[in-house]
């Protein structure tokens, strides 16, 4: 469920009475101390609090929480093992963000980040020489996704997030993130090895054939063998990766 910090405040009419839902600043009212204490307890548990009221007074609160995915903590640990530092940028209250970060084992996080704040933070990292990948699936994530060097969203996210993302995961399972990194690195190594084999062929076989040291038939056979080696190497990459992405 999306939390109120990610959407504008709301208002409506119940029985002809205007009712507002949003932050205390939006309601322009001060709640009873007991309600404030209850809101603080919800916030410390990682929940986001929205206030409801009418006629200039607070009538109650609504506590919402985005439950972390079961695989999120494990995925973050695997990313750390791959040398990737994860940072959570959240639009929620900093205390809520702190509780979620502690649950996920994240050492670095920021709360109360508007969409523009997220994009600015990413730009600052990039200016410091960092390569930044952003994972998000909401409308509020779109500016950060557009700013990132690599943008990743999950199936089922908003259309705008998918439109600006370089990668769309096949499911909402965050365990796919370290799999994506490992697959990307293996693909890069495979491309490098294939290029090296092709370079060896061009540097050795072609000059020998041009000088008459080997027959054209042998040169052609060597080229065919080189192509088969490249294909075989690429197919082994697919075989190693298919189990993780089924």
Protein backbone atom coordinates (compact mmCIF):
# COMPACT_ATOMS: atom_id res chain seq x y z
CA UNK A 1 0.00 0.00 0.00
CA UNK A 2 1.30 3.45 -0.89
CA UNK A 3 1.87 5.75 2.05
CA UNK A 4 0.43 9.28 2.32
CA UNK A 5 3.87 10.89 2.02
CA UNK A 6 3.91 9.75 -1.60
CA UNK A 7 0.65 11.43 -2.55
CA UNK A 8 -0.91 14.89 -2.09
CA UNK A 9 -3.19 15.37 0.92
CA UNK A 10 -6.81 14.44 0.34
CA UNK A 11 -10.16 15.94 1.21
CA UNK A 12 -13.78 15.01 0.89
CA UNK A 13 -17.24 15.43 2.32
CA UNK A 14 -18.99 13.09 4.73
CA UNK A 15 -22.58 13.92 5.56
CA UNK A 16 -22.02 17.43 4.27
CA UNK A 17 -19.03 17.93 6.58
CA UNK A 18 -15.62 18.62 4.95
CA UNK A 19 -13.11 15.97 6.05
CA UNK A 20 -9.36 16.28 5.48
CA UNK A 21 -6.70 13.54 5.47
CA UNK A 22 -2.99 14.35 5.40
CA UNK A 23 -0.23 15.84 7.50
CA UNK A 24 -0.78 18.01 10.57
CA UNK A 25 0.37 21.00 8.56
CA UNK A 26 -2.31 20.29 6.00
CA UNK A 27 -4.98 19.99 8.66
CA UNK A 28 -3.64 23.12 10.41
CA UNK A 29 -4.64 21.59 13.72
CA UNK A 30 -3.01 20.22 16.85
CA UNK A 31 -3.98 16.71 18.02
CA UNK A 32 -4.51 15.58 21.57
CA UNK A 33 -1.24 14.56 23.33
CA UNK A 34 -2.51 10.99 23.56
CA UNK A 35 -2.86 10.88 19.78
CA UNK A 36 0.63 12.31 19.37
CA UNK A 37 2.04 9.59 21.60
CA UNK A 38 0.19 6.92 19.63
CA UNK A 39 1.48 8.39 16.36
CA UNK A 40 5.05 8.33 17.70
CA UNK A 41 4.67 4.65 18.60
CA UNK A 42 3.44 3.83 15.09
CA UNK A 43 6.31 5.78 13.53
CA UNK A 44 8.94 3.96 15.57
CA UNK A 45 7.51 0.66 14.34
CA UNK A 46 8.15 1.74 10.75
CA UNK A 47 4.59 2.85 10.00
CA UNK A 48 3.54 6.09 8.30
CA UNK A 49 0.88 8.18 10.01
CA UNK A 50 -1.82 10.17 8.20
CA UNK A 51 -4.11 12.45 10.17
CA UNK A 52 -7.84 12.88 9.67
CA UNK A 53 -10.00 15.72 10.93
CA UNK A 54 -12.63 18.33 10.27
CA UNK A 55 -13.60 21.82 11.36
CA UNK A 56 -10.04 22.70 12.34
CA UNK A 57 -9.46 19.78 14.67
CA UNK A 58 -7.88 16.33 14.52
CA UNK A 59 -10.27 13.43 14.91
CA UNK A 60 -7.89 10.49 14.53
CA UNK A 61 -5.03 8.94 12.67
CA UNK A 62 -4.41 6.22 10.11
CA UNK A 63 -1.23 4.10 10.32
CA UNK A 64 0.05 2.56 7.08
CA UNK A 65 3.04 0.34 6.44
CA UNK A 66 4.83 -1.04 3.39
CA UNK A 67 5.95 -4.51 4.39
CA UNK A 68 9.44 -5.32 3.08
CA UNK A 69 9.51 -8.25 0.72
CA UNK A 70 10.64 -11.52 2.34
CA UNK A 71 13.64 -11.73 0.01
CA UNK A 72 14.71 -8.08 0.41
CA UNK A 73 17.19 -8.53 3.27
CA UNK A 74 18.83 -11.54 1.61
CA UNK A 75 19.06 -9.71 -1.71
CA UNK A 76 20.73 -6.73 -0.03
CA UNK A 77 23.28 -8.98 1.65
CA UNK A 78 24.09 -10.60 -1.68
CA UNK A 79 24.49 -7.19 -3.32
CA UNK A 80 26.88 -6.18 -0.55
CA UNK A 81 28.87 -9.35 -1.24
CA UNK A 82 29.09 -8.28 -4.89
CA UNK A 83 30.62 -4.96 -3.84
CA UNK A 84 27.45 -2.89 -4.32
CA UNK A 85 26.51 -0.40 -1.61
CA UNK A 86 22.75 -0.04 -1.13
CA UNK A 87 21.09 3.17 0.09
CA UNK A 88 17.38 3.61 0.76
CA UNK A 89 15.83 6.93 -0.30
CA UNK A 90 12.33 7.15 1.14
CA UNK A 91 9.56 9.70 1.14
CA UNK A 92 8.49 8.51 4.59
CA UNK A 93 9.24 10.14 7.91
CA UNK A 94 12.95 9.68 8.81
CA UNK A 95 11.95 7.65 11.88
CA UNK A 96 9.89 5.32 9.72
CA UNK A 97 12.77 5.04 7.26
CA UNK A 98 15.13 4.25 10.14
CA UNK A 99 12.92 1.39 11.34
CA UNK A 100 12.64 -0.14 7.86
CA UNK A 101 16.38 0.26 7.26
CA UNK A 102 17.15 -1.51 10.55
CA UNK A 103 14.81 -4.35 9.60
CA UNK A 104 16.60 -4.74 6.25
CA UNK A 105 20.09 -4.34 7.68
CA UNK A 106 20.75 -1.13 5.76
CA UNK A 107 23.36 1.17 7.24
CA UNK A 108 22.59 4.15 5.00
CA UNK A 109 19.14 5.64 4.40
CA UNK A 110 17.39 8.99 4.01
CA UNK A 111 13.82 9.87 4.87
CA UNK A 112 11.40 12.56 3.77
CA UNK A 113 12.86 12.60 0.24
CA UNK A 114 10.66 14.22 -2.36
CA UNK A 115 11.03 12.93 -5.95
CA UNK A 116 13.26 15.91 -6.81
CA UNK A 117 15.38 15.25 -3.71
CA UNK A 118 16.03 11.67 -4.84
CA UNK A 119 17.13 12.81 -8.29
CA UNK A 120 19.39 15.49 -6.78
CA UNK A 121 20.99 12.96 -4.43
CA UNK A 122 21.74 10.62 -7.30
CA UNK A 123 23.19 13.47 -9.34
CA UNK A 124 25.49 14.34 -6.42
CA UNK A 125 26.76 10.75 -6.29
CA UNK A 126 27.38 10.82 -10.02
CA UNK A 127 29.36 14.04 -9.77
CA UNK A 128 31.48 12.36 -7.09
CA UNK A 129 32.37 9.66 -9.62
CA UNK A 130 29.92 6.98 -8.55
CA UNK A 131 27.97 4.77 -10.94
CA UNK A 132 24.40 4.70 -9.67
CA UNK A 133 21.68 2.12 -10.26
CA UNK A 134 18.17 2.92 -9.01
CA UNK A 135 15.43 0.42 -8.27
CA UNK A 136 11.90 1.81 -8.07
CA UNK A 137 8.39 1.14 -9.27
CA UNK A 138 6.31 4.21 -8.39
CA UNK A 139 5.45 7.51 -10.04
CA UNK A 140 7.53 9.28 -7.40
CA UNK A 141 10.56 7.19 -8.42
CA UNK A 142 10.48 8.32 -12.05
CA UNK A 143 12.84 11.35 -11.68
CA UNK A 144 15.41 9.21 -9.85
CA UNK A 145 15.11 6.42 -12.42
CA UNK A 146 15.62 8.91 -15.25
CA UNK A 147 18.70 10.38 -13.54
CA UNK A 148 20.38 7.03 -12.77
CA UNK A 149 23.09 5.42 -14.86
CA UNK A 150 21.08 2.20 -14.74
CA UNK A 151 17.39 2.19 -13.88
CA UNK A 152 15.54 -0.94 -12.80
CA UNK A 153 11.86 -1.49 -12.13
CA UNK A 154 9.78 -4.58 -11.45
CA UNK A 155 6.84 -6.12 -13.21
CA UNK A 156 3.62 -4.61 -11.92
CA UNK A 157 5.10 -1.15 -11.32
CA UNK A 158 3.62 2.05 -12.70
CA UNK A 159 3.73 2.70 -16.43
CA UNK A 160 5.92 5.78 -16.06
CA UNK A 161 8.49 3.85 -14.02
CA UNK A 162 8.64 1.14 -16.67
CA UNK A 163 8.92 3.71 -19.46
CA UNK A 164 12.07 5.34 -18.04
CA UNK A 165 13.76 2.11 -16.86
CA UNK A 166 16.57 0.30 -18.64
CA UNK A 167 15.63 -3.05 -17.05
CA UNK A 168 12.21 -4.43 -16.12
CA UNK A 169 12.40 -7.46 -13.82
CA UNK A 170 10.10 -10.35 -14.66
CA UNK A 171 8.59 -10.37 -11.17
CA UNK A 172 8.46 -8.27 -8.00
CA UNK A 173 11.00 -10.56 -6.30
CA UNK A 174 14.04 -8.54 -5.19
CA UNK A 175 16.12 -11.72 -5.25
CA UNK A 176 16.39 -11.07 -8.98
CA UNK A 177 18.58 -8.01 -8.36
CA UNK A 178 21.80 -9.86 -7.41
CA UNK A 179 21.00 -12.37 -10.15
CA UNK A 180 20.83 -9.47 -12.60
CA UNK A 181 24.22 -8.16 -11.47
CA UNK A 182 25.86 -11.57 -11.70
CA UNK A 183 24.32 -12.24 -15.12
CA UNK A 184 25.48 -8.84 -16.38
CA UNK A 185 29.04 -9.47 -15.18
CA UNK A 186 29.13 -12.94 -16.71
CA UNK A 187 27.82 -11.52 -19.98
CA UNK A 188 30.54 -8.89 -20.03
CA UNK A 189 33.24 -11.50 -19.36
CA UNK A 190 31.81 -13.69 -22.11
CA UNK A 191 31.85 -10.83 -24.60
CA UNK A 192 35.46 -10.06 -23.69
CA UNK A 193 36.52 -13.68 -24.14
CA UNK A 194 34.72 -13.93 -27.48
CA UNK A 195 36.42 -10.77 -28.71
CA UNK A 196 39.79 -12.09 -27.58
CA UNK A 197 39.29 -15.33 -29.52
CA UNK A 198 38.24 -13.43 -32.62
CA UNK A 199 41.26 -11.15 -32.26
CA UNK A 200 43.62 -14.12 -32.01
CA UNK A 201 42.14 -15.55 -35.19
CA UNK A 202 42.56 -12.29 -37.07
CA UNK A 203 46.11 -11.71 -35.79
CA UNK A 204 47.36 -15.24 -36.48
CA UNK A 205 45.31 -17.09 -39.08
CA UNK A 206 44.61 -14.29 -41.54
CA UNK A 207 48.27 -13.20 -41.91
CA UNK A 208 49.38 -16.85 -42.28
CA UNK A 209 46.81 -17.40 -45.00
CA UNK A 210 47.83 -14.16 -46.73
CA UNK A 211 51.51 -15.25 -46.70
CA UNK A 212 50.64 -18.69 -48.02
CA UNK A 213 51.82 -20.45 -44.87
CA UNK A 214 48.49 -22.24 -44.61
CA UNK A 215 45.97 -23.09 -47.29
CA UNK A 216 42.72 -21.13 -47.70
CA UNK A 217 40.82 -24.28 -46.75
CA UNK A 218 42.64 -24.51 -43.41
CA UNK A 219 42.05 -20.79 -42.80
CA UNK A 220 38.34 -21.20 -43.53
CA UNK A 221 38.13 -24.22 -41.23
CA UNK A 222 39.90 -22.28 -38.49
CA UNK A 223 37.44 -19.42 -38.89
CA UNK A 224 34.52 -21.84 -38.64
CA UNK A 225 36.04 -23.38 -35.50
CA UNK A 226 36.50 -19.91 -34.00
CA UNK A 227 32.84 -19.10 -34.66
CA UNK A 228 31.75 -22.37 -33.06
CA UNK A 229 33.85 -21.61 -29.98
CA UNK A 230 32.18 -18.18 -29.65
CA UNK A 231 28.70 -19.70 -29.98
CA UNK A 232 29.50 -22.47 -27.50
CA UNK A 233 30.86 -19.97 -24.99
CA UNK A 234 27.71 -17.86 -25.28
CA UNK A 235 25.42 -20.88 -24.94
CA UNK A 236 27.20 -21.90 -21.74
CA UNK A 237 26.34 -18.45 -20.38
CA UNK A 238 22.69 -19.09 -21.13
CA UNK A 239 22.81 -22.51 -19.49
CA UNK A 240 24.31 -21.07 -16.30
CA UNK A 241 21.76 -18.27 -16.14
CA UNK A 242 18.50 -19.96 -17.16
CA UNK A 243 17.85 -21.59 -13.79
CA UNK A 244 17.93 -18.25 -12.00
CA UNK A 245 15.49 -16.54 -14.34
CA UNK A 246 12.84 -19.20 -14.75
